[in-house]
Amino acid sequence: MFEELLSSPTDGEKLPYDLLVERTEGYSGSDIRLVCKEAAMQPLRRVMAVLEDHHEVVPEDELPTVGPISHGDIEAALKNTRPSSHLNASCYEQFNADYGSQILQ
């Protein structure tokens, strides 16, 4: 899923997909999509920060380019994104305790 949603940098550096798989244990597909989206936003945020520092119109030939997604961008995304599946699991467990079949207990 990471290989599909995150493109590798053009400088030949390969993203650590194996590490991503390990670090996202317990994440749902939706959570992983959110991590990828957050990582993809990091280069845009860097460009926006540069543009916000200029108080006048920046000529087109001086506009910063949006770089590729880096390992640091992924680290930031993982730091800011948590799995949601454990939240759903506790709701299902409570529902089962309240209304579920008592035959198996």
PDB file of N, CA and C in Angstrom:
ATOM      1  N   MET A   1       0.828  -1.183   0.000  1.00  0.00           N
ATOM      2  CA  MET A   1       0.000   0.000   0.000  1.00  0.00           C
ATOM      3  C   MET A   1       0.881   1.258   0.000  1.00  0.00           C
ATOM      4  N   PHE A   2       1.960   1.237   0.790  1.00  0.00           N
ATOM      5  CA  PHE A   2       2.871   2.381   0.817  1.00  0.00           C
ATOM      6  C   PHE A   2       3.504   2.610  -0.550  1.00  0.00           C
ATOM      7  N   GLU A   3       3.913   1.539  -1.204  1.00  0.00           N
ATOM      8  CA  GLU A   3       4.542   1.675  -2.520  1.00  0.00           C
ATOM      9  C   GLU A   3       3.569   2.271  -3.536  1.00  0.00           C
ATOM     10  N   GLU A   4       2.302   1.978  -3.367  1.00  0.00           N
ATOM     11  CA  GLU A   4       1.288   2.503  -4.279  1.00  0.00           C
ATOM     12  C   GLU A   4       1.008   3.984  -4.007  1.00  0.00           C
ATOM     13  N   LEU A   5       0.957   4.362  -2.734  1.00  0.00           N
ATOM     14  CA  LEU A   5       0.565   5.720  -2.370  1.00  0.00           C
ATOM     15  C   LEU A   5       1.718   6.709  -2.299  1.00  0.00           C
ATOM     16  N   LEU A   6       2.930   6.230  -2.038  1.00  0.00           N
ATOM     17  CA  LEU A   6       4.093   7.115  -1.936  1.00  0.00           C
ATOM     18  C   LEU A   6       5.050   6.824  -3.082  1.00  0.00           C
ATOM     19  N   SER A   7       5.361   7.831  -3.839  1.00  0.00           N
ATOM     20  CA  SER A   7       6.346   7.636  -4.908  1.00  0.00           C
ATOM     21  C   SER A   7       7.743   7.793  -4.332  1.00  0.00           C
ATOM     22  N   SER A   8       8.683   7.041  -4.851  1.00  0.00           N
ATOM     23  CA  SER A   8      10.069   7.133  -4.394  1.00  0.00           C
ATOM     24  C   SER A   8      10.679   8.439  -4.878  1.00  0.00           C
ATOM     25  N   PRO A   9      11.597   9.003  -4.092  1.00  0.00           N
ATOM     26  CA  PRO A   9      12.279  10.227  -4.522  1.00  0.00           C
ATOM     27  C   PRO A   9      13.007  10.010  -5.843  1.00  0.00           C
ATOM     28  N   THR A  10      13.143  11.078  -6.603  1.00  0.00           N
ATOM     29  CA  THR A  10      13.784  10.978  -7.915  1.00  0.00           C
ATOM     30  C   THR A  10      15.299  10.912  -7.825  1.00  0.00           C
ATOM     31  N   ASP A  11      15.867  11.192  -6.653  1.00  0.00           N
ATOM     32  CA  ASP A  11      17.327  11.184  -6.523  1.00  0.00           C
ATOM     33  C   ASP A  11      17.890   9.787  -6.291  1.00  0.00           C
ATOM     34  N   GLY A  12      17.068   8.769  -6.424  1.00  0.00           N
ATOM     35  CA  GLY A  12      17.541   7.397  -6.273  1.00  0.00           C
ATOM     36  C   GLY A  12      17.413   6.856  -4.865  1.00  0.00           C
ATOM     37  N   GLU A  13      17.153   7.730  -3.895  1.00  0.00           N
ATOM     38  CA  GLU A  13      16.971   7.274  -2.518  1.00  0.00           C
ATOM     39  C   GLU A  13      15.651   6.519  -2.438  1.00  0.00           C
ATOM     40  N   LYS A  14      15.699   5.333  -1.871  1.00  0.00           N
ATOM     41  CA  LYS A  14      14.489   4.518  -1.762  1.00  0.00           C
ATOM     42  C   LYS A  14      13.858   4.755  -0.397  1.00  0.00           C
ATOM     43  N   LEU A  15      12.559   4.895  -0.385  1.00  0.00           N
ATOM     44  CA  LEU A  15      11.864   5.073   0.884  1.00  0.00           C
ATOM     45  C   LEU A  15      11.898   3.758   1.661  1.00  0.00           C
ATOM     46  N   PRO A  16      11.985   3.824   2.985  1.00  0.00           N
ATOM     47  CA  PRO A  16      12.103   2.609   3.804  1.00  0.00           C
ATOM     48  C   PRO A  16      10.755   1.917   4.006  1.00  0.00           C
ATOM     49  N   TYR A  17      10.284   1.253   2.956  1.00  0.00           N
ATOM     50  CA  TYR A  17       8.969   0.619   3.024  1.00  0.00           C
ATOM     51  C   TYR A  17       8.899  -0.449   4.114  1.00  0.00           C
ATOM     52  N   ASP A  18       9.963  -1.226   4.303  1.00  0.00           N
ATOM     53  CA  ASP A  18       9.955  -2.262   5.340  1.00  0.00           C
ATOM     54  C   ASP A  18       9.790  -1.645   6.723  1.00  0.00           C
ATOM     55  N   LEU A  19      10.484  -0.542   6.956  1.00  0.00           N
ATOM     56  CA  LEU A  19      10.377   0.156   8.236  1.00  0.00           C
ATOM     57  C   LEU A  19       8.975   0.725   8.421  1.00  0.00           C
ATOM     58  N   LEU A  20       8.399   1.232   7.348  1.00  0.00           N
ATOM     59  CA  LEU A  20       7.038   1.764   7.427  1.00  0.00           C
ATOM     60  C   LEU A  20       6.046   0.682   7.832  1.00  0.00           C
ATOM     61  N   VAL A  21       6.210  -0.490   7.270  1.00  0.00           N
ATOM     62  CA  VAL A  21       5.317  -1.601   7.604  1.00  0.00           C
ATOM     63  C   VAL A  21       5.430  -1.931   9.093  1.00  0.00           C
ATOM     64  N   GLU A  22       6.650  -1.975   9.608  1.00  0.00           N
ATOM     65  CA  GLU A  22       6.854  -2.266  11.029  1.00  0.00           C
ATOM     66  C   GLU A  22       6.259  -1.176  11.918  1.00  0.00           C
ATOM     67  N   ARG A  23       6.454   0.076  11.536  1.00  0.00           N
ATOM     68  CA  ARG A  23       6.036   1.203  12.369  1.00  0.00           C
ATOM     69  C   ARG A  23       4.534   1.452  12.331  1.00  0.00           C
ATOM     70  N   THR A  24       3.830   0.824  11.395  1.00  0.00           N
ATOM     71  CA  THR A  24       2.389   1.049  11.288  1.00  0.00           C
ATOM     72  C   THR A  24       1.590  -0.200  11.660  1.00  0.00           C
ATOM     73  N   GLU A  25       2.164  -1.030  12.489  1.00  0.00           N
ATOM     74  CA  GLU A  25       1.450  -2.211  12.993  1.00  0.00           C
ATOM     75  C   GLU A  25       0.180  -1.742  13.705  1.00  0.00           C
ATOM     76  N   GLY A  26      -0.952  -2.321  13.358  1.00  0.00           N
ATOM     77  CA  GLY A  26      -2.219  -1.953  13.977  1.00  0.00           C
ATOM     78  C   GLY A  26      -2.941  -0.810  13.272  1.00  0.00           C
ATOM     79  N   TYR A  27      -2.337  -0.251  12.228  1.00  0.00           N
ATOM     80  CA  TYR A  27      -2.989   0.816  11.467  1.00  0.00           C
ATOM     81  C   TYR A  27      -3.955   0.193  10.462  1.00  0.00           C
ATOM     82  N   SER A  28      -5.084   0.820  10.269  1.00  0.00           N
ATOM     83  CA  SER A  28      -6.023   0.369   9.241  1.00  0.00           C
ATOM     84  C   SER A  28      -5.569   0.909   7.884  1.00  0.00           C
ATOM     85  N   GLY A  29      -6.201   0.453   6.825  1.00  0.00           N
ATOM     86  CA  GLY A  29      -5.886   0.975   5.498  1.00  0.00           C
ATOM     87  C   GLY A  29      -6.129   2.476   5.421  1.00  0.00           C
ATOM     88  N   SER A  30      -7.184   2.926   6.066  1.00  0.00           N
ATOM     89  CA  SER A  30      -7.485   4.356   6.099  1.00  0.00           C
ATOM     90  C   SER A  30      -6.409   5.128   6.856  1.00  0.00           C
ATOM     91  N   ASP A  31      -5.909   4.556   7.942  1.00  0.00           N
ATOM     92  CA  ASP A  31      -4.828   5.190   8.708  1.00  0.00           C
ATOM     93  C   ASP A  31      -3.563   5.304   7.862  1.00  0.00           C
ATOM     94  N   ILE A  32      -3.244   4.255   7.115  1.00  0.00           N
ATOM     95  CA  ILE A  32      -2.044   4.262   6.266  1.00  0.00           C
ATOM     96  C   ILE A  32      -2.194   5.303   5.161  1.00  0.00           C
ATOM     97  N   ARG A  33      -3.376   5.392   4.594  1.00  0.00           N
ATOM     98  CA  ARG A  33      -3.633   6.420   3.574  1.00  0.00           C
ATOM     99  C   ARG A  33      -3.425   7.814   4.172  1.00  0.00           C
ATOM    100  N   LEU A  34      -3.858   8.010   5.410  1.00  0.00           N
ATOM    101  CA  LEU A  34      -3.681   9.298   6.081  1.00  0.00           C
ATOM    102  C   LEU A  34      -2.202   9.600   6.328  1.00  0.00           C
ATOM    103  N   VAL A  35      -1.419   8.595   6.719  1.00  0.00           N
ATOM    104  CA  VAL A  35       0.027   8.779   6.902  1.00  0.00           C
ATOM    105  C   VAL A  35       0.664   9.213   5.583  1.00  0.00           C
ATOM    106  N   CYS A  36       0.295   8.556   4.496  1.00  0.00           N
ATOM    107  CA  CYS A  36       0.854   8.899   3.181  1.00  0.00           C
ATOM    108  C   CYS A  36       0.451  10.309   2.759  1.00  0.00           C
ATOM    109  N   LYS A  37      -0.779  10.661   3.010  1.00  0.00           N
ATOM    110  CA  LYS A  37      -1.257  12.002   2.662  1.00  0.00           C
ATOM    111  C   LYS A  37      -0.512  13.060   3.476  1.00  0.00           C
ATOM    112  N   GLU A  38      -0.326  12.790   4.751  1.00  0.00           N
ATOM    113  CA  GLU A  38       0.407  13.711   5.625  1.00  0.00           C
ATOM    114  C   GLU A  38       1.862  13.846   5.176  1.00  0.00           C
ATOM    115  N   ALA A  39       2.485  12.748   4.807  1.00  0.00           N
ATOM    116  CA  ALA A  39       3.872  12.795   4.322  1.00  0.00           C
ATOM    117  C   ALA A  39       3.963  13.596   3.026  1.00  0.00           C
ATOM    118  N   ALA A  40       2.980  13.452   2.158  1.00  0.00           N
ATOM    119  CA  ALA A  40       2.978  14.183   0.886  1.00  0.00           C
ATOM    120  C   ALA A  40       2.772  15.679   1.089  1.00  0.00           C
ATOM    121  N   MET A  41       2.145  16.057   2.186  1.00  0.00           N
ATOM    122  CA  MET A  41       1.917  17.476   2.462  1.00  0.00           C
ATOM    123  C   MET A  41       3.163  18.179   2.990  1.00  0.00           C
ATOM    124  N   GLN A  42       4.114  17.434   3.530  1.00  0.00           N
ATOM    125  CA  GLN A  42       5.300  18.056   4.130  1.00  0.00           C
ATOM    126  C   GLN A  42       6.090  18.918   3.141  1.00  0.00           C
ATOM    127  N   PRO A  43       6.410  18.446   1.930  1.00  0.00           N
ATOM    128  CA  PRO A  43       7.121  19.316   0.983  1.00  0.00           C
ATOM    129  C   PRO A  43       6.325  20.582   0.637  1.00  0.00           C
ATOM    130  N   LEU A  44       5.000  20.455   0.546  1.00  0.00           N
ATOM    131  CA  LEU A  44       4.166  21.624   0.261  1.00  0.00           C
ATOM    132  C   LEU A  44       4.209  22.621   1.412  1.00  0.00           C
ATOM    133  N   ARG A  45       4.230  22.118   2.628  1.00  0.00           N
ATOM    134  CA  ARG A  45       4.311  23.010   3.787  1.00  0.00           C
ATOM    135  C   ARG A  45       5.628  23.778   3.809  1.00  0.00           C
ATOM    136  N   ARG A  46       6.707  23.121   3.391  1.00  0.00           N
ATOM    137  CA  ARG A  46       7.997  23.824   3.325  1.00  0.00           C
ATOM    138  C   ARG A  46       7.938  24.968   2.316  1.00  0.00           C
ATOM    139  N   VAL A  47       7.345  24.718   1.165  1.00  0.00           N
ATOM    140  CA  VAL A  47       7.216  25.765   0.146  1.00  0.00           C
ATOM    141  C   VAL A  47       6.328  26.892   0.664  1.00  0.00           C
ATOM    142  N   MET A  48       5.226  26.538   1.294  1.00  0.00           N
ATOM    143  CA  MET A  48       4.320  27.559   1.822  1.00  0.00           C
ATOM    144  C   MET A  48       5.002  28.417   2.880  1.00  0.00           C
ATOM    145  N   ALA A  49       5.842  27.814   3.709  1.00  0.00           N
ATOM    146  CA  ALA A  49       6.564  28.580   4.728  1.00  0.00           C
ATOM    147  C   ALA A  49       7.485  29.606   4.076  1.00  0.00           C
ATOM    148  N   VAL A  50       8.157  29.213   3.008  1.00  0.00           N
ATOM    149  CA  VAL A  50       9.038  30.145   2.288  1.00  0.00           C
ATOM    150  C   VAL A  50       8.217  31.277   1.681  1.00  0.00           C
ATOM    151  N   LEU A  51       7.097  30.940   1.068  1.00  0.00           N
ATOM    152  CA  LEU A  51       6.264  31.953   0.429  1.00  0.00           C
ATOM    153  C   LEU A  51       5.641  32.903   1.448  1.00  0.00           C
ATOM    154  N   GLU A  52       5.291  32.390   2.617  1.00  0.00           N
ATOM    155  CA  GLU A  52       4.700  33.242   3.646  1.00  0.00           C
ATOM    156  C   GLU A  52       5.706  34.223   4.222  1.00  0.00           C
ATOM    157  N   ASP A  53       6.988  33.898   4.144  1.00  0.00           N
ATOM    158  CA  ASP A  53       8.021  34.812   4.628  1.00  0.00           C
ATOM    159  C   ASP A  53       8.174  36.030   3.720  1.00  0.00           C
ATOM    160  N   HIS A  54       7.787  35.902   2.461  1.00  0.00           N
ATOM    161  CA  HIS A  54       7.847  37.026   1.523  1.00  0.00           C
ATOM    162  C   HIS A  54       6.550  37.820   1.654  1.00  0.00           C
ATOM    163  N   HIS A  55       6.682  39.112   1.814  1.00  0.00           N
ATOM    164  CA  HIS A  55       5.485  39.939   1.967  1.00  0.00           C
ATOM    165  C   HIS A  55       5.033  40.552   0.646  1.00  0.00           C
ATOM    166  N   GLU A  56       5.796  40.314  -0.398  1.00  0.00           N
ATOM    167  CA  GLU A  56       5.427  40.815  -1.716  1.00  0.00           C
ATOM    168  C   GLU A  56       5.278  39.627  -2.667  1.00  0.00           C
ATOM    169  N   VAL A  57       4.810  39.893  -3.844  1.00  0.00           N
ATOM    170  CA  VAL A  57       4.628  38.846  -4.847  1.00  0.00           C
ATOM    171  C   VAL A  57       5.997  38.316  -5.263  1.00  0.00           C
ATOM    172  N   VAL A  58       6.119  36.998  -5.262  1.00  0.00           N
ATOM    173  CA  VAL A  58       7.375  36.355  -5.651  1.00  0.00           C
ATOM    174  C   VAL A  58       7.327  36.089  -7.151  1.00  0.00           C
ATOM    175  N   PRO A  59       8.344  36.547  -7.890  1.00  0.00           N
ATOM    176  CA  PRO A  59       8.361  36.263  -9.335  1.00  0.00           C
ATOM    177  C   PRO A  59       8.367  34.756  -9.597  1.00  0.00           C
ATOM    178  N   GLU A  60       7.743  34.370 -10.678  1.00  0.00           N
ATOM    179  CA  GLU A  60       7.578  32.947 -10.983  1.00  0.00           C
ATOM    180  C   GLU A  60       8.907  32.212 -11.081  1.00  0.00           C
ATOM    181  N   ASP A  61       9.938  32.865 -11.624  1.00  0.00           N
ATOM    182  CA  ASP A  61      11.233  32.192 -11.758  1.00  0.00           C
ATOM    183  C   ASP A  61      11.966  32.049 -10.425  1.00  0.00           C
ATOM    184  N   GLU A  62      11.463  32.700  -9.363  1.00  0.00           N
ATOM    185  CA  GLU A  62      12.068  32.582  -8.035  1.00  0.00           C
ATOM    186  C   GLU A  62      11.265  31.686  -7.097  1.00  0.00           C
ATOM    187  N   LEU A  63      10.167  31.157  -7.593  1.00  0.00           N
ATOM    188  CA  LEU A  63       9.349  30.284  -6.751  1.00  0.00           C
ATOM    189  C   LEU A  63      10.126  29.021  -6.392  1.00  0.00           C
ATOM    190  N   PRO A  64      10.065  28.610  -5.126  1.00  0.00           N
ATOM    191  CA  PRO A  64      10.738  27.362  -4.759  1.00  0.00           C
ATOM    192  C   PRO A  64      10.003  26.169  -5.362  1.00  0.00           C
ATOM    193  N   THR A  65      10.745  25.128  -5.634  1.00  0.00           N
ATOM    194  CA  THR A  65      10.130  23.916  -6.184  1.00  0.00           C
ATOM    195  C   THR A  65       9.701  22.999  -5.047  1.00  0.00           C
ATOM    196  N   VAL A  66       8.685  22.234  -5.312  1.00  0.00           N
ATOM    197  CA  VAL A  66       8.221  21.245  -4.337  1.00  0.00           C
ATOM    198  C   VAL A  66       9.103  20.022  -4.496  1.00  0.00           C
ATOM    199  N   GLY A  67       9.822  19.676  -3.455  1.00  0.00           N
ATOM    200  CA  GLY A  67      10.727  18.537  -3.516  1.00  0.00           C
ATOM    201  C   GLY A  67      10.001  17.219  -3.321  1.00  0.00           C
ATOM    202  N   PRO A  68      10.720  16.125  -3.439  1.00  0.00           N
ATOM    203  CA  PRO A  68      10.117  14.801  -3.227  1.00  0.00           C
ATOM    204  C   PRO A  68       9.886  14.533  -1.740  1.00  0.00           C
ATOM    205  N   ILE A  69       9.124  13.517  -1.468  1.00  0.00           N
ATOM    206  CA  ILE A  69       8.881  13.086  -0.090  1.00  0.00           C
ATOM    207  C   ILE A  69      10.153  12.443   0.429  1.00  0.00           C
ATOM    208  N   SER A  70      10.583  12.868   1.603  1.00  0.00           N
ATOM    209  CA  SER A  70      11.817  12.344   2.183  1.00  0.00           C
ATOM    210  C   SER A  70      11.500  11.444   3.378  1.00  0.00           C
ATOM    211  N   HIS A  71      12.536  10.792   3.867  1.00  0.00           N
ATOM    212  CA  HIS A  71      12.402   9.961   5.069  1.00  0.00           C
ATOM    213  C   HIS A  71      11.925  10.819   6.239  1.00  0.00           C
ATOM    214  N   GLY A  72      12.433  12.041   6.342  1.00  0.00           N
ATOM    215  CA  GLY A  72      12.012  12.953   7.407  1.00  0.00           C
ATOM    216  C   GLY A  72      10.543  13.312   7.323  1.00  0.00           C
ATOM    217  N   ASP A  73      10.030  13.436   6.107  1.00  0.00           N
ATOM    218  CA  ASP A  73       8.607  13.725   5.918  1.00  0.00           C
ATOM    219  C   ASP A  73       7.752  12.578   6.445  1.00  0.00           C
ATOM    220  N   ILE A  74       8.214  11.371   6.204  1.00  0.00           N
ATOM    221  CA  ILE A  74       7.481  10.198   6.682  1.00  0.00           C
ATOM    222  C   ILE A  74       7.540  10.123   8.203  1.00  0.00           C
ATOM    223  N   GLU A  75       8.708  10.418   8.776  1.00  0.00           N
ATOM    224  CA  GLU A  75       8.834  10.432  10.238  1.00  0.00           C
ATOM    225  C   GLU A  75       7.863  11.439  10.846  1.00  0.00           C
ATOM    226  N   ALA A  76       7.780  12.628  10.253  1.00  0.00           N
ATOM    227  CA  ALA A  76       6.856  13.652  10.750  1.00  0.00           C
ATOM    228  C   ALA A  76       5.411  13.177  10.638  1.00  0.00           C
ATOM    229  N   ALA A  77       5.081  12.515   9.546  1.00  0.00           N
ATOM    230  CA  ALA A  77       3.725  12.007   9.353  1.00  0.00           C
ATOM    231  C   ALA A  77       3.385  10.939  10.386  1.00  0.00           C
ATOM    232  N   LEU A  78       4.333  10.047  10.658  1.00  0.00           N
ATOM    233  CA  LEU A  78       4.093   9.006  11.660  1.00  0.00           C
ATOM    234  C   LEU A  78       3.948   9.609  13.053  1.00  0.00           C
ATOM    235  N   LYS A  79       4.681  10.666  13.312  1.00  0.00           N
ATOM    236  CA  LYS A  79       4.615  11.337  14.614  1.00  0.00           C
ATOM    237  C   LYS A  79       3.251  11.999  14.820  1.00  0.00           C
ATOM    238  N   ASN A  80       2.658  12.491  13.731  1.00  0.00           N
ATOM    239  CA  ASN A  80       1.400  13.227  13.818  1.00  0.00           C
ATOM    240  C   ASN A  80       0.159  12.381  13.571  1.00  0.00           C
ATOM    241  N   THR A  81       0.327  11.124  13.214  1.00  0.00           N
ATOM    242  CA  THR A  81      -0.805  10.267  12.863  1.00  0.00           C
ATOM    243  C   THR A  81      -0.788   9.019  13.735  1.00  0.00           C
ATOM    244  N   ARG A  82      -1.894   8.739  14.350  1.00  0.00           N
ATOM    245  CA  ARG A  82      -2.012   7.561  15.212  1.00  0.00           C
ATOM    246  C   ARG A  82      -3.067   6.608  14.651  1.00  0.00           C
ATOM    247  N   PRO A  83      -2.946   5.325  14.959  1.00  0.00           N
ATOM    248  CA  PRO A  83      -3.942   4.371  14.449  1.00  0.00           C
ATOM    249  C   PRO A  83      -5.305   4.589  15.095  1.00  0.00           C
ATOM    250  N   SER A  84      -6.340   4.433  14.312  1.00  0.00           N
ATOM    251  CA  SER A  84      -7.698   4.598  14.828  1.00  0.00           C
ATOM    252  C   SER A  84      -8.352   3.264  15.151  1.00  0.00           C
ATOM    253  N   SER A  85      -7.769   2.172  14.702  1.00  0.00           N
ATOM    254  CA  SER A  85      -8.422   0.869  14.852  1.00  0.00           C
ATOM    255  C   SER A  85      -8.607   0.471  16.310  1.00  0.00           C
ATOM    256  N   HIS A  86      -7.693   0.883  17.193  1.00  0.00           N
ATOM    257  CA  HIS A  86      -7.868   0.538  18.603  1.00  0.00           C
ATOM    258  C   HIS A  86      -9.074   1.262  19.195  1.00  0.00           C
ATOM    259  N   LEU A  87      -9.419   2.441  18.667  1.00  0.00           N
ATOM    260  CA  LEU A  87     -10.607   3.156  19.130  1.00  0.00           C
ATOM    261  C   LEU A  87     -11.861   2.393  18.744  1.00  0.00           C
ATOM    262  N   ASN A  88     -11.893   1.898  17.513  1.00  0.00           N
ATOM    263  CA  ASN A  88     -13.044   1.124  17.057  1.00  0.00           C
ATOM    264  C   ASN A  88     -13.149  -0.194  17.805  1.00  0.00           C
ATOM    265  N   ALA A  89     -12.033  -0.827  18.083  1.00  0.00           N
ATOM    266  CA  ALA A  89     -12.043  -2.125  18.758  1.00  0.00           C
ATOM    267  C   ALA A  89     -12.690  -2.014  20.132  1.00  0.00           C
ATOM    268  N   SER A  90     -12.368  -0.967  20.871  1.00  0.00           N
ATOM    269  CA  SER A  90     -12.948  -0.834  22.208  1.00  0.00           C
ATOM    270  C   SER A  90     -14.458  -0.611  22.124  1.00  0.00           C
ATOM    271  N   CYS A  91     -14.925   0.093  21.091  1.00  0.00           N
ATOM    272  CA  CYS A  91     -16.368   0.280  20.909  1.00  0.00           C
ATOM    273  C   CYS A  91     -17.050  -1.052  20.624  1.00  0.00           C
ATOM    274  N   TYR A  92     -16.434  -1.865  19.751  1.00  0.00           N
ATOM    275  CA  TYR A  92     -17.004  -3.174  19.434  1.00  0.00           C
ATOM    276  C   TYR A  92     -16.984  -4.100  20.647  1.00  0.00           C
ATOM    277  N   GLU A  93     -15.928  -4.045  21.431  1.00  0.00           N
ATOM    278  CA  GLU A  93     -15.855  -4.871  22.638  1.00  0.00           C
ATOM    279  C   GLU A  93     -16.941  -4.473  23.631  1.00  0.00           C
ATOM    280  N   GLN A  94     -17.167  -3.171  23.791  1.00  0.00           N
ATOM    281  CA  GLN A  94     -18.213  -2.705  24.703  1.00  0.00           C
ATOM    282  C   GLN A  94     -19.591  -3.105  24.191  1.00  0.00           C
ATOM    283  N   PHE A  95     -19.809  -2.961  22.888  1.00  0.00           N
ATOM    284  CA  PHE A  95     -21.083  -3.363  22.304  1.00  0.00           C
ATOM    285  C   PHE A  95     -21.319  -4.853  22.520  1.00  0.00           C
ATOM    286  N   ASN A  96     -20.279  -5.654  22.293  1.00  0.00           N
ATOM    287  CA  ASN A  96     -20.400  -7.094  22.483  1.00  0.00           C
ATOM    288  C   ASN A  96     -20.683  -7.426  23.945  1.00  0.00           C
ATOM    289  N   ALA A  97     -20.043  -6.725  24.857  1.00  0.00           N
ATOM    290  CA  ALA A  97     -20.287  -6.971  26.280  1.00  0.00           C
ATOM    291  C   ALA A  97     -21.726  -6.621  26.656  1.00  0.00           C
ATOM    292  N   ASP A  98     -22.254  -5.550  26.068  1.00  0.00           N
ATOM    293  CA  ASP A  98     -23.613  -5.111  26.402  1.00  0.00           C
ATOM    294  C   ASP A  98     -24.696  -5.924  25.695  1.00  0.00           C
ATOM    295  N   TYR A  99     -24.486  -6.237  24.421  1.00  0.00           N
ATOM    296  CA  TYR A  99     -25.562  -6.807  23.617  1.00  0.00           C
ATOM    297  C   TYR A  99     -25.216  -8.125  22.931  1.00  0.00           C
ATOM    298  N   GLY A 100     -23.995  -8.571  23.047  1.00  0.00           N
ATOM    299  CA  GLY A 100     -23.556  -9.753  22.319  1.00  0.00           C
ATOM    300  C   GLY A 100     -24.101 -11.043  22.898  1.00  0.00           C
ATOM    301  N   SER A 101     -23.890 -12.109  22.166  1.00  0.00           N
ATOM    302  CA  SER A 101     -24.338 -13.427  22.588  1.00  0.00           C
ATOM    303  C   SER A 101     -23.539 -13.881  23.799  1.00  0.00           C
ATOM    304  N   GLN A 102     -24.219 -14.430  24.755  1.00  0.00           N
ATOM    305  CA  GLN A 102     -23.578 -14.911  25.972  1.00  0.00           C
ATOM    306  C   GLN A 102     -23.284 -16.406  25.905  1.00  0.00           C
ATOM    307  N   ILE A 103     -23.569 -17.039  24.769  1.00  0.00           N
ATOM    308  CA  ILE A 103     -23.397 -18.474  24.611  1.00  0.00           C
ATOM    309  C   ILE A 103     -21.932 -18.875  24.750  1.00  0.00           C
ATOM    310  N   LEU A 104     -21.027 -18.097  24.198  1.00  0.00           N
ATOM    311  CA  LEU A 104     -19.614 -18.456  24.187  1.00  0.00           C
ATOM    312  C   LEU A 104     -18.926 -18.211  25.521  1.00  0.00           C
ATOM    313  N   GLN A 105     -19.552 -17.535  26.434  1.00  0.00           N
ATOM    314  CA  GLN A 105     -18.890 -17.211  27.701  1.00  0.00           C
ATOM    315  C   GLN A 105     -19.068 -18.245  28.728  1.00  0.00           C
TER     316      GLN A 105
END
